[in-house]
Amino acid sequence: LLKEVHHRVKNNMAIIASMISLQSNSIEDEHLKDLLQSSQNRIQSMSMVHENIYKNESLSEINIKSYISELIESLMLSYDLFGDQIMLNIDVPDINLELDLLIPLGLIINEIVSNSFKHAYRDSTEFALSVILKQIDTDKMYMSISDNGPGFNVEDNAEKEGSIGLMLIRSLIDQID
């Protein structure tokens, strides 16, 4: 029964993402389209958690390595990027994480990687993206996401009007401590 609930939640999130996609097709404003695509990607990252739970034997944990790989692949497709356009390094342990940690972690990764694809990739002919997650001890992990783009000042961009990305990332980091 619980697996069925996760399956239905995933399907409902897919419907929401599809409706956003259909709506964005009728919009000409590129900034607004970008905002809708960001929302669609956020929904997709959460939907993937429910899909993995449905497919998994465990109803409370998901393999972080396969989830992150699947998430980045989904984001690449969303931005029309392909493996031969990116030097991708995913160094993530083959461990399971609980849903309470995985959903916010997936949203953090979604925000950072999406920004990398939107802003760093366009300026690079040899784009490199690295996602590293290391287990420090039983209740601590270290995460690093980097690219070879031009970079930006976090403080200057934190106050940018209409941008919720950094605010969302900070809130999610506080949530998972």
C-alpha atoms as a PDB file:
ATOM      1  CA  LEU A   1       0.000   0.000   0.000  1.00  0.00           C
ATOM      2  CA  LEU A   2       2.803   2.401   0.877  1.00  0.00           C
ATOM      3  CA  LYS A   3       4.537   1.636  -2.426  1.00  0.00           C
ATOM      4  CA  GLU A   4       1.299   2.453  -4.228  1.00  0.00           C
ATOM      5  CA  VAL A   5       1.105   5.790  -2.403  1.00  0.00           C
ATOM      6  CA  HIS A   6       4.656   6.660  -3.511  1.00  0.00           C
ATOM      7  CA  HIS A   7       3.768   5.631  -7.067  1.00  0.00           C
ATOM      8  CA  ARG A   8       0.691   7.878  -7.064  1.00  0.00           C
ATOM      9  CA  VAL A   9       2.638  10.801  -5.587  1.00  0.00           C
ATOM     10  CA  LYS A  10       5.261  10.371  -8.323  1.00  0.00           C
ATOM     11  CA  ASN A  11       2.542  10.284 -10.991  1.00  0.00           C
ATOM     12  CA  ASN A  12       0.853  13.398  -9.600  1.00  0.00           C
ATOM     13  CA  MET A  13       4.168  15.255  -9.543  1.00  0.00           C
ATOM     14  CA  ALA A  14       4.796  14.168 -13.146  1.00  0.00           C
ATOM     15  CA  ILE A  15       1.402  15.573 -14.124  1.00  0.00           C
ATOM     16  CA  ILE A  16       2.209  18.880 -12.404  1.00  0.00           C
ATOM     17  CA  ALA A  17       5.593  19.059 -14.172  1.00  0.00           C
ATOM     18  CA  SER A  18       3.903  18.298 -17.508  1.00  0.00           C
ATOM     19  CA  MET A  19       1.317  21.036 -16.976  1.00  0.00           C
ATOM     20  CA  ILE A  20       4.113  23.514 -16.232  1.00  0.00           C
ATOM     21  CA  SER A  21       5.905  22.405 -19.389  1.00  0.00           C
ATOM     22  CA  LEU A  22       2.760  22.831 -21.496  1.00  0.00           C
ATOM     23  CA  GLN A  23       2.165  26.267 -19.994  1.00  0.00           C
ATOM     24  CA  SER A  24       5.723  27.353 -20.697  1.00  0.00           C
ATOM     25  CA  ASN A  25       5.318  26.491 -24.389  1.00  0.00           C
ATOM     26  CA  SER A  26       2.886  29.387 -24.765  1.00  0.00           C
ATOM     27  CA  ILE A  27       5.176  31.922 -23.057  1.00  0.00           C
ATOM     28  CA  GLU A  28       7.594  34.047 -25.052  1.00  0.00           C
ATOM     29  CA  ASP A  29       9.344  35.799 -22.159  1.00  0.00           C
ATOM     30  CA  GLU A  30      12.631  33.886 -21.695  1.00  0.00           C
ATOM     31  CA  HIS A  31      12.995  34.906 -18.049  1.00  0.00           C
ATOM     32  CA  LEU A  32       9.542  33.574 -17.231  1.00  0.00           C
ATOM     33  CA  LYS A  33      10.248  30.376 -19.181  1.00  0.00           C
ATOM     34  CA  ASP A  34      13.438  29.937 -17.155  1.00  0.00           C
ATOM     35  CA  LEU A  35      11.505  30.341 -13.895  1.00  0.00           C
ATOM     36  CA  LEU A  36       8.982  27.728 -14.972  1.00  0.00           C
ATOM     37  CA  GLN A  37      11.742  25.335 -16.024  1.00  0.00           C
ATOM     38  CA  SER A  38      13.365  25.753 -12.602  1.00  0.00           C
ATOM     39  CA  SER A  39      10.060  24.885 -10.933  1.00  0.00           C
ATOM     40  CA  GLN A  40       9.618  21.917 -13.222  1.00  0.00           C
ATOM     41  CA  ASN A  41      13.121  20.641 -12.371  1.00  0.00           C
ATOM     42  CA  ARG A  42      12.472  21.010  -8.632  1.00  0.00           C
ATOM     43  CA  ILE A  43       9.290  18.978  -8.921  1.00  0.00           C
ATOM     44  CA  GLN A  44      11.113  16.374 -11.020  1.00  0.00           C
ATOM     45  CA  SER A  45      13.883  15.994  -8.417  1.00  0.00           C
ATOM     46  CA  MET A  46      11.287  15.250  -5.714  1.00  0.00           C
ATOM     47  CA  SER A  47       9.313  12.968  -8.024  1.00  0.00           C
ATOM     48  CA  MET A  48      12.420  10.889  -8.656  1.00  0.00           C
ATOM     49  CA  VAL A  49      12.666  10.139  -4.928  1.00  0.00           C
ATOM     50  CA  HIS A  50       9.140   8.722  -4.923  1.00  0.00           C
ATOM     51  CA  GLU A  51       9.841   6.761  -8.087  1.00  0.00           C
ATOM     52  CA  ASN A  52      12.946   5.223  -6.512  1.00  0.00           C
ATOM     53  CA  ILE A  53      11.001   4.316  -3.358  1.00  0.00           C
ATOM     54  CA  TYR A  54       8.347   2.641  -5.503  1.00  0.00           C
ATOM     55  CA  LYS A  55      10.995   0.579  -7.333  1.00  0.00           C
ATOM     56  CA  ASN A  56      13.041  -0.152  -4.212  1.00  0.00           C
ATOM     57  CA  GLU A  57      12.597  -2.912  -1.646  1.00  0.00           C
ATOM     58  CA  SER A  58      13.165  -0.449   1.182  1.00  0.00           C
ATOM     59  CA  LEU A  59      10.362   2.014   1.764  1.00  0.00           C
ATOM     60  CA  SER A  60      12.483   4.475   3.725  1.00  0.00           C
ATOM     61  CA  GLU A  61      15.905   4.646   2.042  1.00  0.00           C
ATOM     62  CA  ILE A  62      17.291   5.198  -1.451  1.00  0.00           C
ATOM     63  CA  ASN A  63      20.730   4.622  -2.906  1.00  0.00           C
ATOM     64  CA  ILE A  64      22.284   8.080  -3.098  1.00  0.00           C
ATOM     65  CA  LYS A  65      24.722   7.236  -5.899  1.00  0.00           C
ATOM     66  CA  SER A  66      22.049   6.080  -8.340  1.00  0.00           C
ATOM     67  CA  TYR A  67      19.687   8.915  -7.348  1.00  0.00           C
ATOM     68  CA  ILE A  68      22.291  11.663  -7.923  1.00  0.00           C
ATOM     69  CA  SER A  69      23.361  10.129 -11.251  1.00  0.00           C
ATOM     70  CA  GLU A  70      19.731   9.918 -12.370  1.00  0.00           C
ATOM     71  CA  LEU A  71      19.049  13.482 -11.189  1.00  0.00           C
ATOM     72  CA  ILE A  72      22.003  14.938 -13.102  1.00  0.00           C
ATOM     73  CA  GLU A  73      21.069  12.950 -16.211  1.00  0.00           C
ATOM     74  CA  SER A  74      17.532  14.328 -15.970  1.00  0.00           C
ATOM     75  CA  LEU A  75      18.860  17.886 -15.615  1.00  0.00           C
ATOM     76  CA  MET A  76      21.140  17.400 -18.620  1.00  0.00           C
ATOM     77  CA  LEU A  77      18.145  16.375 -20.720  1.00  0.00           C
ATOM     78  CA  SER A  78      16.179  19.336 -19.392  1.00  0.00           C
ATOM     79  CA  TYR A  79      18.884  21.706 -20.646  1.00  0.00           C
ATOM     80  CA  ASP A  80      19.467  19.774 -23.901  1.00  0.00           C
ATOM     81  CA  LEU A  81      22.944  18.708 -22.853  1.00  0.00           C
ATOM     82  CA  PHE A  82      24.525  15.385 -23.710  1.00  0.00           C
ATOM     83  CA  GLY A  83      27.368  13.350 -22.242  1.00  0.00           C
ATOM     84  CA  ASP A  84      29.835  14.285 -24.973  1.00  0.00           C
ATOM     85  CA  GLN A  85      29.364  17.998 -24.126  1.00  0.00           C
ATOM     86  CA  ILE A  86      30.316  17.647 -20.461  1.00  0.00           C
ATOM     87  CA  MET A  87      33.255  16.223 -18.565  1.00  0.00           C
ATOM     88  CA  LEU A  88      31.235  14.830 -15.676  1.00  0.00           C
ATOM     89  CA  ASN A  89      32.709  13.587 -12.401  1.00  0.00           C
ATOM     90  CA  ILE A  90      30.273  12.060  -9.912  1.00  0.00           C
ATOM     91  CA  ASP A  91      32.101  10.805  -6.835  1.00  0.00           C
ATOM     92  CA  VAL A  92      29.356   9.631  -4.494  1.00  0.00           C
ATOM     93  CA  PRO A  93      29.372   6.681  -2.097  1.00  0.00           C
ATOM     94  CA  ASP A  94      27.200   3.672  -2.834  1.00  0.00           C
ATOM     95  CA  ILE A  95      25.095   4.061   0.324  1.00  0.00           C
ATOM     96  CA  ASN A  96      21.428   4.473   1.178  1.00  0.00           C
ATOM     97  CA  LEU A  97      19.990   7.637   2.695  1.00  0.00           C
ATOM     98  CA  GLU A  98      16.664   8.257   4.372  1.00  0.00           C
ATOM     99  CA  LEU A  99      13.967  10.267   2.596  1.00  0.00           C
ATOM    100  CA  ASP A 100      14.105  13.091   5.141  1.00  0.00           C
ATOM    101  CA  LEU A 101      17.680  13.760   4.063  1.00  0.00           C
ATOM    102  CA  LEU A 102      17.456  12.766   0.416  1.00  0.00           C
ATOM    103  CA  ILE A 103      14.670  15.135  -0.697  1.00  0.00           C
ATOM    104  CA  PRO A 104      16.364  18.339   0.574  1.00  0.00           C
ATOM    105  CA  LEU A 105      19.756  17.081  -0.640  1.00  0.00           C
ATOM    106  CA  GLY A 106      18.279  16.411  -4.086  1.00  0.00           C
ATOM    107  CA  LEU A 107      16.785  19.902  -4.199  1.00  0.00           C
ATOM    108  CA  ILE A 108      20.148  21.452  -3.230  1.00  0.00           C
ATOM    109  CA  ILE A 109      21.914  19.500  -5.978  1.00  0.00           C
ATOM    110  CA  ASN A 110      19.146  20.424  -8.425  1.00  0.00           C
ATOM    111  CA  GLU A 111      19.581  24.151  -7.695  1.00  0.00           C
ATOM    112  CA  ILE A 112      23.367  24.182  -7.960  1.00  0.00           C
ATOM    113  CA  VAL A 113      23.665  21.938 -11.028  1.00  0.00           C
ATOM    114  CA  SER A 114      20.841  23.813 -12.801  1.00  0.00           C
ATOM    115  CA  ASN A 115      22.642  27.110 -12.207  1.00  0.00           C
ATOM    116  CA  SER A 116      25.828  25.568 -13.479  1.00  0.00           C
ATOM    117  CA  PHE A 117      24.112  24.408 -16.677  1.00  0.00           C
ATOM    118  CA  LYS A 118      22.368  27.781 -17.139  1.00  0.00           C
ATOM    119  CA  HIS A 119      25.279  30.095 -16.420  1.00  0.00           C
ATOM    120  CA  ALA A 120      28.646  28.319 -16.513  1.00  0.00           C
ATOM    121  CA  TYR A 121      28.071  25.986 -19.447  1.00  0.00           C
ATOM    122  CA  ARG A 122      27.205  28.681 -21.967  1.00  0.00           C
ATOM    123  CA  ASP A 123      30.630  30.275 -21.523  1.00  0.00           C
ATOM    124  CA  SER A 124      32.650  27.100 -21.913  1.00  0.00           C
ATOM    125  CA  THR A 125      33.579  24.911 -24.849  1.00  0.00           C
ATOM    126  CA  GLU A 126      35.038  22.264 -22.536  1.00  0.00           C
ATOM    127  CA  PHE A 127      32.580  22.219 -19.685  1.00  0.00           C
ATOM    128  CA  ALA A 128      33.419  20.233 -16.555  1.00  0.00           C
ATOM    129  CA  LEU A 129      31.087  19.478 -13.678  1.00  0.00           C
ATOM    130  CA  SER A 130      32.017  17.670 -10.491  1.00  0.00           C
ATOM    131  CA  VAL A 131      29.712  16.389  -7.738  1.00  0.00           C
ATOM    132  CA  ILE A 132      31.466  14.948  -4.709  1.00  0.00           C
ATOM    133  CA  LEU A 133      29.796  13.552  -1.615  1.00  0.00           C
ATOM    134  CA  LYS A 134      31.868  12.000   1.168  1.00  0.00           C
ATOM    135  CA  GLN A 135      30.765  10.320   4.370  1.00  0.00           C
ATOM    136  CA  ILE A 136      32.784  11.911   7.203  1.00  0.00           C
ATOM    137  CA  ASP A 137      31.227   9.881  10.022  1.00  0.00           C
ATOM    138  CA  THR A 138      27.860   8.299  10.794  1.00  0.00           C
ATOM    139  CA  ASP A 139      25.975  11.604  10.929  1.00  0.00           C
ATOM    140  CA  LYS A 140      28.118  13.942   8.828  1.00  0.00           C
ATOM    141  CA  MET A 141      28.724  14.255   5.106  1.00  0.00           C
ATOM    142  CA  TYR A 142      30.737  16.632   2.957  1.00  0.00           C
ATOM    143  CA  MET A 143      29.415  17.787  -0.423  1.00  0.00           C
ATOM    144  CA  SER A 144      31.156  19.757  -3.135  1.00  0.00           C
ATOM    145  CA  ILE A 145      29.674  20.758  -6.476  1.00  0.00           C
ATOM    146  CA  SER A 146      31.951  22.636  -8.843  1.00  0.00           C
ATOM    147  CA  ASP A 147      32.322  23.575 -12.490  1.00  0.00           C
ATOM    148  CA  ASN A 148      34.897  25.364 -14.615  1.00  0.00           C
ATOM    149  CA  GLY A 149      32.666  28.328 -15.428  1.00  0.00           C
ATOM    150  CA  PRO A 150      33.413  31.990 -14.720  1.00  0.00           C
ATOM    151  CA  GLY A 151      32.118  31.852 -11.124  1.00  0.00           C
ATOM    152  CA  PHE A 152      30.163  34.445  -9.207  1.00  0.00           C
ATOM    153  CA  ASN A 153      30.081  36.174  -5.855  1.00  0.00           C
ATOM    154  CA  VAL A 154      27.506  34.468  -3.624  1.00  0.00           C
ATOM    155  CA  GLU A 155      26.861  37.600  -1.540  1.00  0.00           C
ATOM    156  CA  ASP A 156      26.255  39.781  -4.607  1.00  0.00           C
ATOM    157  CA  ASN A 157      23.771  37.275  -6.021  1.00  0.00           C
ATOM    158  CA  ALA A 158      22.023  36.474  -2.725  1.00  0.00           C
ATOM    159  CA  GLU A 159      19.969  39.650  -2.871  1.00  0.00           C
ATOM    160  CA  LYS A 160      19.111  39.366  -6.560  1.00  0.00           C
ATOM    161  CA  GLU A 161      15.419  40.132  -6.984  1.00  0.00           C
ATOM    162  CA  GLY A 162      13.278  37.264  -8.213  1.00  0.00           C
ATOM    163  CA  SER A 163      15.923  34.632  -7.487  1.00  0.00           C
ATOM    164  CA  ILE A 164      14.997  32.114  -4.843  1.00  0.00           C
ATOM    165  CA  GLY A 165      17.814  29.666  -5.610  1.00  0.00           C
ATOM    166  CA  LEU A 166      20.309  30.712  -2.915  1.00  0.00           C
ATOM    167  CA  MET A 167      17.540  31.350  -0.417  1.00  0.00           C
ATOM    168  CA  LEU A 168      16.202  27.838  -1.061  1.00  0.00           C
ATOM    169  CA  ILE A 169      19.670  26.290  -0.790  1.00  0.00           C
ATOM    170  CA  ARG A 170      20.363  28.004   2.527  1.00  0.00           C
ATOM    171  CA  SER A 171      16.974  26.988   3.901  1.00  0.00           C
ATOM    172  CA  LEU A 172      17.480  23.363   2.860  1.00  0.00           C
ATOM    173  CA  ILE A 173      20.978  23.302   4.372  1.00  0.00           C
ATOM    174  CA  ASP A 174      19.512  24.538   7.656  1.00  0.00           C
ATOM    175  CA  GLN A 175      16.784  21.883   7.399  1.00  0.00           C
ATOM    176  CA  ILE A 176      19.245  18.992   7.108  1.00  0.00           C
ATOM    177  CA  ASP A 177      21.707  20.611   9.537  1.00  0.00           C
END
